[in-house]
Amino acid sequence: LPWAIDRAVWDAEGRWWLHEASGRVRAARLAASTCVCPALVVLDFRCGLWRHPTLVLGEDVLGGEGLRRLRQRLLLARFDVSPEP
């Protein structure tokens, strides 16, 4: 499907970019309904008024270390805490 999400990028400024199969890149906002669990992360996005894509990510997609790092970064961002250097 041309609107399927191929990749999600969270840049250093905290913005999300969703790359679609068609080649289009959309700015997105992470919704409060995003779920961070030990074995699974469900990223719920808002792209404008009508688009609400969701990405379900597990260890099989990101690997153990990648999933751990994403969970940590999401939790730190949720509580607006900067990690120690």
C-alpha atoms as a PDB file:
ATOM      1  CA  LEU A   1       0.000   0.000   0.000  1.00  0.00           C
ATOM      2  CA  PRO A   2       1.458   3.400  -0.915  1.00  0.00           C
ATOM      3  CA  TRP A   3       0.476   4.963   2.434  1.00  0.00           C
ATOM      4  CA  ALA A   4       2.002   2.154   4.516  1.00  0.00           C
ATOM      5  CA  ILE A   5       4.711   3.320   6.915  1.00  0.00           C
ATOM      6  CA  ASP A   6       8.158   2.021   5.940  1.00  0.00           C
ATOM      7  CA  ARG A   7      10.128   3.903   8.566  1.00  0.00           C
ATOM      8  CA  ALA A   8       9.615   6.268  11.502  1.00  0.00           C
ATOM      9  CA  VAL A   9      12.373   8.716  12.409  1.00  0.00           C
ATOM     10  CA  TRP A  10      12.577  10.576  15.725  1.00  0.00           C
ATOM     11  CA  ASP A  11      15.069  13.398  15.201  1.00  0.00           C
ATOM     12  CA  ALA A  12      17.283  15.167  17.752  1.00  0.00           C
ATOM     13  CA  GLU A  13      14.766  18.018  18.068  1.00  0.00           C
ATOM     14  CA  GLY A  14      12.046  15.574  19.138  1.00  0.00           C
ATOM     15  CA  ARG A  15      10.091  15.646  15.855  1.00  0.00           C
ATOM     16  CA  TRP A  16       8.716  12.490  14.264  1.00  0.00           C
ATOM     17  CA  TRP A  17       8.866  11.829  10.501  1.00  0.00           C
ATOM     18  CA  LEU A  18       6.963   8.972   8.900  1.00  0.00           C
ATOM     19  CA  HIS A  19       8.298   7.627   5.591  1.00  0.00           C
ATOM     20  CA  GLU A  20       5.594   6.039   3.448  1.00  0.00           C
ATOM     21  CA  ALA A  21       6.043   3.293   0.860  1.00  0.00           C
ATOM     22  CA  SER A  22       5.152   5.854  -1.837  1.00  0.00           C
ATOM     23  CA  GLY A  23       8.240   7.899  -0.889  1.00  0.00           C
ATOM     24  CA  ARG A  24       6.256  10.638   0.826  1.00  0.00           C
ATOM     25  CA  VAL A  25       7.526  11.864   4.194  1.00  0.00           C
ATOM     26  CA  ARG A  26       4.979  13.192   6.696  1.00  0.00           C
ATOM     27  CA  ALA A  27       5.521  15.126   9.903  1.00  0.00           C
ATOM     28  CA  ALA A  28       3.766  13.368  12.769  1.00  0.00           C
ATOM     29  CA  ARG A  29       2.958  13.905  16.413  1.00  0.00           C
ATOM     30  CA  LEU A  30       3.170  11.060  18.897  1.00  0.00           C
ATOM     31  CA  ALA A  31      -0.207  10.624  20.609  1.00  0.00           C
ATOM     32  CA  ALA A  32      -0.722  10.146  24.338  1.00  0.00           C
ATOM     33  CA  SER A  33      -2.275   6.754  23.565  1.00  0.00           C
ATOM     34  CA  THR A  34       1.193   5.372  22.722  1.00  0.00           C
ATOM     35  CA  CYS A  35       1.878   2.262  24.812  1.00  0.00           C
ATOM     36  CA  VAL A  36       5.319   1.337  26.169  1.00  0.00           C
ATOM     37  CA  CYS A  37       5.537  -2.212  27.550  1.00  0.00           C
ATOM     38  CA  PRO A  38       8.545  -4.445  28.325  1.00  0.00           C
ATOM     39  CA  ALA A  39       8.166  -6.624  25.211  1.00  0.00           C
ATOM     40  CA  LEU A  40       6.289  -4.278  22.902  1.00  0.00           C
ATOM     41  CA  VAL A  41       5.981  -0.603  21.931  1.00  0.00           C
ATOM     42  CA  VAL A  42       2.857   0.669  20.176  1.00  0.00           C
ATOM     43  CA  LEU A  43       3.514   4.070  18.591  1.00  0.00           C
ATOM     44  CA  ASP A  44       0.273   5.896  17.920  1.00  0.00           C
ATOM     45  CA  PHE A  45       0.714   8.935  15.648  1.00  0.00           C
ATOM     46  CA  ARG A  46      -1.346  11.885  14.470  1.00  0.00           C
ATOM     47  CA  CYS A  47      -0.681  13.261  10.976  1.00  0.00           C
ATOM     48  CA  GLY A  48      -3.127  16.053  10.377  1.00  0.00           C
ATOM     49  CA  LEU A  49      -6.838  15.757  10.996  1.00  0.00           C
ATOM     50  CA  TRP A  50      -7.599  12.337   9.468  1.00  0.00           C
ATOM     51  CA  ARG A  51      -4.422  10.255   9.541  1.00  0.00           C
ATOM     52  CA  HIS A  52      -3.762   8.196  12.681  1.00  0.00           C
ATOM     53  CA  PRO A  53      -1.130   5.597  11.775  1.00  0.00           C
ATOM     54  CA  THR A  54       0.067   3.103  14.365  1.00  0.00           C
ATOM     55  CA  LEU A  55       3.331   1.155  14.470  1.00  0.00           C
ATOM     56  CA  VAL A  56       3.679  -1.965  16.608  1.00  0.00           C
ATOM     57  CA  LEU A  57       7.316  -2.688  17.394  1.00  0.00           C
ATOM     58  CA  GLY A  58       8.756  -5.684  19.183  1.00  0.00           C
ATOM     59  CA  GLU A  59      12.128  -7.278  19.659  1.00  0.00           C
ATOM     60  CA  ASP A  60      11.760  -9.073  16.320  1.00  0.00           C
ATOM     61  CA  VAL A  61      11.758  -5.673  14.550  1.00  0.00           C
ATOM     62  CA  LEU A  62      14.261  -3.644  16.598  1.00  0.00           C
ATOM     63  CA  GLY A  63      16.333  -6.277  18.360  1.00  0.00           C
ATOM     64  CA  GLY A  64      16.607  -6.418  22.143  1.00  0.00           C
ATOM     65  CA  GLU A  65      18.949  -3.464  22.539  1.00  0.00           C
ATOM     66  CA  GLY A  66      17.066  -1.291  20.028  1.00  0.00           C
ATOM     67  CA  LEU A  67      13.754  -1.932  21.782  1.00  0.00           C
ATOM     68  CA  ARG A  68      15.279  -1.182  25.190  1.00  0.00           C
ATOM     69  CA  ARG A  69      16.727   2.109  23.934  1.00  0.00           C
ATOM     70  CA  LEU A  70      13.436   3.160  22.331  1.00  0.00           C
ATOM     71  CA  ARG A  71      11.487   2.363  25.513  1.00  0.00           C
ATOM     72  CA  GLN A  72      13.987   4.341  27.585  1.00  0.00           C
ATOM     73  CA  ARG A  73      13.900   7.366  25.264  1.00  0.00           C
ATOM     74  CA  LEU A  74      10.085   7.353  25.108  1.00  0.00           C
ATOM     75  CA  LEU A  75       9.768   7.164  28.887  1.00  0.00           C
ATOM     76  CA  LEU A  76      12.315   9.950  29.404  1.00  0.00           C
ATOM     77  CA  ALA A  77      10.517  12.124  26.854  1.00  0.00           C
ATOM     78  CA  ARG A  78       7.126  11.428  28.449  1.00  0.00           C
ATOM     79  CA  PHE A  79       8.379  12.709  31.795  1.00  0.00           C
ATOM     80  CA  ASP A  80      10.540  15.423  30.181  1.00  0.00           C
ATOM     81  CA  VAL A  81      13.705  14.148  31.861  1.00  0.00           C
ATOM     82  CA  SER A  82      17.122  14.512  30.278  1.00  0.00           C
ATOM     83  CA  PRO A  83      19.417  11.499  30.680  1.00  0.00           C
ATOM     84  CA  GLU A  84      22.660  11.933  32.589  1.00  0.00           C
ATOM     85  CA  PRO A  85      25.722  12.359  30.296  1.00  0.00           C
END
